[in-house]
Protein backbone atom coordinates (compact mmCIF):
# COMPACT_ATOMS: atom_id res chain seq x y z
CA MET A 1 93.12 110.96 86.13
CA PRO A 2 95.77 113.27 84.90
CA LEU A 3 99.66 112.94 85.77
CA THR A 4 101.48 115.70 87.29
CA GLU A 5 105.16 115.69 87.69
CA LEU A 6 106.62 117.69 90.62
CA GLU A 7 110.31 118.98 91.34
CA GLU A 8 111.69 117.50 94.50
CA GLU A 9 111.49 120.65 96.28
CA THR A 10 107.75 120.76 96.09
CA VAL A 11 107.45 117.19 96.97
CA GLU A 12 109.71 117.87 99.97
CA ARG A 13 107.50 120.79 100.99
CA LEU A 14 104.28 118.90 100.70
CA ASP A 15 105.80 116.04 102.82
CA ALA A 16 106.35 118.69 105.46
CA LEU A 17 102.80 119.50 105.46
CA ARG A 18 101.22 116.09 105.82
CA VAL A 19 100.00 114.66 109.03
CA ASP A 20 99.21 110.99 109.89
CA ASP A 21 99.86 109.03 106.66
CA GLU A 22 97.91 111.82 104.75
CA SER A 23 97.70 111.04 101.21
CA TYR A 24 99.00 113.81 98.72
CA ASP A 25 95.15 113.63 97.14
CA GLU A 26 93.92 114.51 100.54
CA LEU A 27 96.46 117.23 101.32
CA VAL A 28 96.10 118.98 97.87
CA THR A 29 92.30 118.99 97.90
CA GLU A 30 92.93 120.52 101.51
CA LEU A 31 95.19 123.22 100.39
CA ILE A 32 92.79 124.06 97.20
CA ASN A 33 89.81 124.17 99.62
CA SER A 34 91.64 126.58 101.73
CA TYR A 35 92.66 128.55 98.77
CA GLU A 36 89.20 128.71 97.30
CA ALA A 37 87.64 129.74 100.89
CA ASN A 38 90.48 132.57 101.33
CA GLU A 39 89.69 133.77 97.81
CA TYR A 40 86.00 133.72 98.49
CA THR A 41 86.54 135.60 101.77
CA LEU A 42 88.88 138.26 100.14
CA PHE A 43 86.09 138.78 97.08
CA HIS A 44 83.26 139.56 99.29
CA ALA A 45 85.36 141.72 101.74
CA GLY A 46 84.71 144.65 99.83
CA ASP A 47 81.05 144.29 99.69
């Protein structure tokens, strides 16, 4: 798995979004899924 270095501010922002001992992997996956769902919705909104 690739290693990604994050700035302290980014880690603090991720920490603010985490709930109930959620891992960073789980949080990032959730954020990506949400982004992709919104992108899909916006892409098809013009149809």
